[in-house]
Amino acid sequence: FFKPDGQTLFISGYQNNDIYQYSLSTAWDITTASYTQNFSVSAQTSQVTDLFFKPDGSKMYIVENTNDNVHEYNISSSWDITTASYSQSFSITAKETAPQGFFFKSDGTKMYISGSASDSIHEYDLSSAWDISTASFLQSFSVASQEIGPLSLFFNPNGTKMYFSGFGGDDVNEYDLSSAWDVSTASYLRNFFVGSQDANPAGIAFKSDGSKMYIVGLQNDAIYQYSTA
């Protein structure tokens, strides 16, 4: 996950169950990244799979497949994960037993989970923005025709495109949404193979203007940067 200005990068890791924070001296250029600090989520899980931040950096969320929960944290000093404190959890076990990717609508009123048990994207409504205790399941969208192991999840800023990485095809899959933020209107467009770099693309992110794509690979424990312009 990138801070909106591209100068801070966050990585979730399930080996140590930590969130790692990096500073980038040149925005969006991962070659300029330097490690800053970390925050342990081991009190909540032993296998964190993805993370997300509220746009102002005052909240952090993780999804994990130890207990199939989303966890919410308050950050007293925006974007400084050392100031994070646990707030609450939301169970997604009823719909997914292997949650992998995680994303919010830009206004915090919708939450999306990708799962490798169901090979689906699950959509939830939040009656109070950014408060996961108010989440209610809305619908699921199967991606099994393209991917049998969806991992990280990403939407473009206006919700008309959806992307996810997958370890079945070692690729990134792109979908168009005819109705923004409504996964039931998603239609497959194309995929992009990343297996030449890493056969387990567990994380995905884009630069805010869409001109760069980033993949986190579990095979080599590396981040890969691609130009899409």
Protein backbone atom coordinates (compact mmCIF):
# COMPACT_ATOMS: atom_id res chain seq x y z
CA PHE A 1 0.00 0.00 0.00
CA PHE A 2 1.24 3.49 -0.91
CA LYS A 3 0.51 6.75 0.84
CA PRO A 4 -1.35 8.91 -1.75
CA ASP A 5 1.73 11.07 -2.40
CA GLY A 6 3.87 8.00 -3.16
CA GLN A 7 6.49 8.88 -0.55
CA THR A 8 5.64 6.14 1.93
CA LEU A 9 5.21 2.42 1.28
CA PHE A 10 3.67 -0.21 3.58
CA ILE A 11 4.07 -3.98 3.30
CA SER A 12 2.27 -6.69 5.26
CA GLY A 13 4.22 -9.84 6.04
CA TYR A 14 2.79 -13.03 7.49
CA GLN A 15 6.09 -14.66 8.43
CA ASN A 16 6.55 -12.23 11.32
CA ASN A 17 2.99 -10.80 11.26
CA ASP A 18 4.27 -7.26 10.95
CA ILE A 19 3.43 -4.18 8.92
CA TYR A 20 6.62 -2.61 7.54
CA GLN A 21 6.95 1.06 6.65
CA TYR A 22 9.40 2.48 4.08
CA SER A 23 10.20 6.03 3.01
CA LEU A 24 10.82 6.85 -0.66
CA SER A 25 13.13 9.80 -1.32
CA THR A 26 11.69 9.98 -4.84
CA ALA A 27 7.93 9.48 -4.90
CA TRP A 28 6.77 6.23 -6.52
CA ASP A 29 10.35 5.07 -7.22
CA ILE A 30 10.92 1.88 -5.20
CA THR A 31 14.67 2.00 -5.82
CA THR A 32 14.76 4.96 -3.42
CA ALA A 33 12.90 3.15 -0.62
CA SER A 34 14.50 2.83 2.82
CA TYR A 35 13.11 0.93 5.79
CA THR A 36 11.70 3.11 8.56
CA GLN A 37 9.82 1.05 11.14
CA ASN A 38 7.41 -1.80 11.74
CA PHE A 39 4.26 -2.58 13.72
CA SER A 40 3.30 -6.05 14.99
CA VAL A 41 -0.21 -7.41 14.44
CA SER A 42 0.58 -10.78 16.03
CA ALA A 43 -1.86 -10.08 18.86
CA GLN A 44 -4.66 -10.33 16.30
CA THR A 45 -3.37 -12.90 13.80
CA SER A 46 -0.63 -15.31 12.79
CA GLN A 47 -1.19 -14.79 9.06
CA VAL A 48 -1.89 -11.28 7.82
CA THR A 49 -2.46 -11.26 4.05
CA ASP A 50 -3.22 -7.65 3.05
CA LEU A 51 -3.63 -4.11 4.38
CA PHE A 52 -5.36 -0.82 3.62
CA PHE A 53 -5.31 2.73 4.99
CA LYS A 54 -8.00 5.37 5.24
CA PRO A 55 -7.01 8.17 2.79
CA ASP A 56 -6.02 10.56 5.59
CA GLY A 57 -3.83 7.93 7.26
CA SER A 58 -5.81 7.94 10.51
CA LYS A 59 -6.91 4.29 10.24
CA MET A 60 -5.24 1.06 9.16
CA TYR A 61 -6.99 -2.18 8.28
CA ILE A 62 -5.68 -5.69 7.79
CA VAL A 63 -7.27 -8.89 6.54
CA GLU A 64 -6.03 -12.23 7.82
CA ASN A 65 -6.79 -15.90 7.26
CA THR A 66 -5.98 -17.29 10.68
CA ASN A 67 -9.47 -16.47 11.94
CA ASP A 68 -10.83 -14.93 8.71
CA ASN A 69 -11.23 -11.43 10.11
CA VAL A 70 -10.78 -7.81 9.10
CA HIS A 71 -9.09 -5.80 11.88
CA GLU A 72 -9.27 -2.04 12.28
CA TYR A 73 -6.63 0.14 13.96
CA ASN A 74 -6.65 3.81 14.91
CA ILE A 75 -3.48 5.81 14.14
CA SER A 76 -3.05 8.79 16.44
CA SER A 77 -0.36 10.38 14.23
CA SER A 78 -1.41 9.94 10.60
CA TRP A 79 0.67 7.50 8.55
CA ASP A 80 2.94 6.65 11.52
CA ILE A 81 2.23 2.97 12.19
CA THR A 82 4.07 3.04 15.52
CA THR A 83 1.10 5.08 16.82
CA ALA A 84 -1.45 2.44 15.76
CA SER A 85 -3.79 0.94 18.34
CA TYR A 86 -6.23 -1.92 17.87
CA SER A 87 -9.87 -0.90 17.56
CA GLN A 88 -12.17 -3.72 16.42
CA SER A 89 -12.68 -6.77 14.19
CA PHE A 90 -15.22 -8.02 11.66
CA SER A 91 -15.61 -11.69 10.77
CA ILE A 92 -15.91 -12.74 7.12
CA THR A 93 -15.91 -16.51 7.79
CA ALA A 94 -19.50 -16.87 6.59
CA LYS A 95 -18.43 -15.90 3.06
CA GLU A 96 -14.69 -16.65 2.85
CA THR A 97 -12.32 -19.00 4.69
CA ALA A 98 -9.15 -17.97 2.85
CA PRO A 99 -9.25 -14.16 2.51
CA GLN A 100 -6.31 -12.73 0.58
CA GLY A 101 -6.89 -9.23 -0.82
CA PHE A 102 -8.59 -6.21 0.64
CA PHE A 103 -9.84 -2.85 -0.64
CA PHE A 104 -12.20 -0.01 0.28
CA LYS A 105 -14.28 2.29 -1.88
CA SER A 106 -12.70 5.75 -1.77
CA ASP A 107 -15.40 7.12 0.57
CA GLY A 108 -15.25 4.16 2.97
CA THR A 109 -18.83 3.00 2.38
CA LYS A 110 -17.87 -0.28 0.66
CA MET A 111 -15.34 -3.00 1.47
CA TYR A 112 -14.10 -5.74 -0.86
CA ILE A 113 -12.40 -9.05 -0.05
CA SER A 114 -10.80 -11.48 -2.49
CA GLY A 115 -10.72 -15.11 -1.42
CA SER A 116 -8.86 -18.16 -2.67
CA ALA A 117 -11.28 -20.64 -1.06
CA SER A 118 -14.26 -19.39 -3.09
CA ASP A 119 -12.26 -17.83 -5.97
CA SER A 120 -14.51 -14.80 -5.59
CA ILE A 121 -14.58 -11.09 -4.81
CA HIS A 122 -16.94 -10.30 -1.94
CA GLU A 123 -18.58 -6.88 -1.60
CA TYR A 124 -19.81 -5.39 1.70
CA ASP A 125 -21.70 -2.19 2.46
CA LEU A 126 -20.74 -0.05 5.46
CA SER A 127 -23.60 2.01 6.89
CA SER A 128 -21.05 4.20 8.68
CA ALA A 129 -18.02 4.98 6.52
CA TRP A 130 -14.74 3.38 7.61
CA ASP A 131 -16.40 1.60 10.56
CA ILE A 132 -16.13 -2.13 9.89
CA SER A 133 -18.58 -2.97 12.68
CA THR A 134 -21.30 -1.59 10.39
CA ALA A 135 -20.39 -3.82 7.43
CA SER A 136 -23.02 -6.08 5.88
CA PHE A 137 -22.55 -8.56 3.04
CA LEU A 138 -24.00 -7.47 -0.30
CA GLN A 139 -22.82 -9.84 -3.05
CA SER A 140 -20.02 -11.98 -4.47
CA PHE A 141 -18.49 -12.19 -7.93
CA SER A 142 -16.76 -15.37 -9.08
CA VAL A 143 -13.44 -15.04 -10.89
CA ALA A 144 -12.88 -18.80 -11.21
CA SER A 145 -13.07 -18.63 -15.02
CA GLN A 146 -9.85 -16.59 -15.02
CA GLU A 147 -8.14 -17.42 -11.72
CA ILE A 148 -8.28 -20.26 -9.18
CA GLY A 149 -6.21 -18.42 -6.61
CA PRO A 150 -7.01 -14.69 -6.42
CA LEU A 151 -4.70 -12.77 -4.13
CA SER A 152 -4.34 -9.01 -3.73
CA LEU A 153 -7.09 -6.68 -4.94
CA PHE A 154 -7.11 -3.14 -6.35
CA PHE A 155 -9.68 -0.73 -7.85
CA ASN A 156 -9.01 2.40 -9.87
CA PRO A 157 -10.02 5.67 -8.13
CA ASN A 158 -13.50 5.91 -9.70
CA GLY A 159 -14.35 2.24 -9.25
CA THR A 160 -14.76 1.41 -12.94
CA LYS A 161 -11.83 -1.02 -13.06
CA MET A 162 -10.87 -3.90 -10.81
CA TYR A 163 -7.54 -5.72 -10.71
CA PHE A 164 -6.30 -8.69 -8.78
CA SER A 165 -3.17 -10.80 -8.78
CA GLY A 166 -3.35 -14.58 -8.85
CA PHE A 167 -1.05 -17.48 -8.11
CA GLY A 168 -2.94 -19.82 -10.44
CA GLY A 169 -1.92 -17.90 -13.56
CA ASP A 170 0.97 -15.88 -12.06
CA ASP A 171 -0.67 -12.81 -13.51
CA VAL A 172 -2.69 -9.65 -12.98
CA ASN A 173 -6.29 -9.77 -14.16
CA GLU A 174 -8.18 -6.64 -15.27
CA TYR A 175 -11.96 -6.19 -15.25
CA ASP A 176 -14.26 -3.36 -16.34
CA LEU A 177 -17.22 -2.45 -14.12
CA SER A 178 -20.15 -0.98 -16.07
CA SER A 179 -21.57 0.35 -12.80
CA ALA A 180 -18.84 1.82 -10.60
CA TRP A 181 -18.01 -0.14 -7.43
CA ASP A 182 -20.62 -2.81 -8.23
CA VAL A 183 -18.78 -6.14 -8.65
CA SER A 184 -21.85 -7.80 -10.17
CA THR A 185 -21.27 -5.64 -13.27
CA ALA A 186 -17.63 -6.70 -13.71
CA SER A 187 -16.53 -8.16 -17.04
CA TYR A 188 -13.12 -9.67 -17.77
CA LEU A 189 -10.91 -7.57 -20.06
CA ARG A 190 -7.36 -9.00 -20.07
CA ASN A 191 -4.46 -10.26 -18.03
CA PHE A 192 -0.75 -9.51 -17.72
CA PHE A 193 1.77 -12.27 -16.94
CA VAL A 194 4.24 -11.50 -14.13
CA GLY A 195 5.56 -15.03 -13.60
CA SER A 196 8.86 -14.14 -15.27
CA GLN A 197 9.54 -11.96 -12.24
CA ASP A 198 7.75 -13.92 -9.51
CA ALA A 199 5.50 -16.99 -9.54
CA ASN A 200 3.56 -15.91 -6.46
CA PRO A 201 2.35 -12.31 -6.97
CA ALA A 202 0.79 -11.74 -3.55
CA GLY A 203 0.42 -7.95 -3.60
CA ILE A 204 -0.65 -5.35 -6.14
CA ALA A 205 -0.80 -1.55 -6.16
CA PHE A 206 -0.92 1.25 -8.71
CA LYS A 207 0.37 4.79 -8.76
CA SER A 208 -2.52 7.22 -8.25
CA ASP A 209 -2.59 8.19 -11.94
CA GLY A 210 -2.36 4.56 -13.09
CA SER A 211 0.99 5.01 -14.86
CA LYS A 212 2.87 2.55 -12.64
CA MET A 213 2.00 -0.89 -11.28
CA TYR A 214 3.69 -2.62 -8.35
CA ILE A 215 3.74 -6.32 -7.51
CA VAL A 216 4.90 -7.90 -4.25
CA GLY A 217 6.24 -11.40 -4.88
CA LEU A 218 6.38 -14.13 -2.26
CA GLN A 219 8.69 -16.34 -4.29
CA ASN A 220 11.58 -13.87 -4.17
CA ASP A 221 10.42 -11.57 -1.33
CA ALA A 222 10.69 -8.58 -3.65
CA ILE A 223 8.69 -5.65 -5.00
CA TYR A 224 8.55 -5.18 -8.77
CA GLN A 225 7.73 -1.90 -10.51
CA TYR A 226 6.15 -1.75 -13.99
CA SER A 227 5.35 1.15 -16.28
CA THR A 228 1.82 1.13 -17.73
CA ALA A 229 2.10 4.41 -19.65
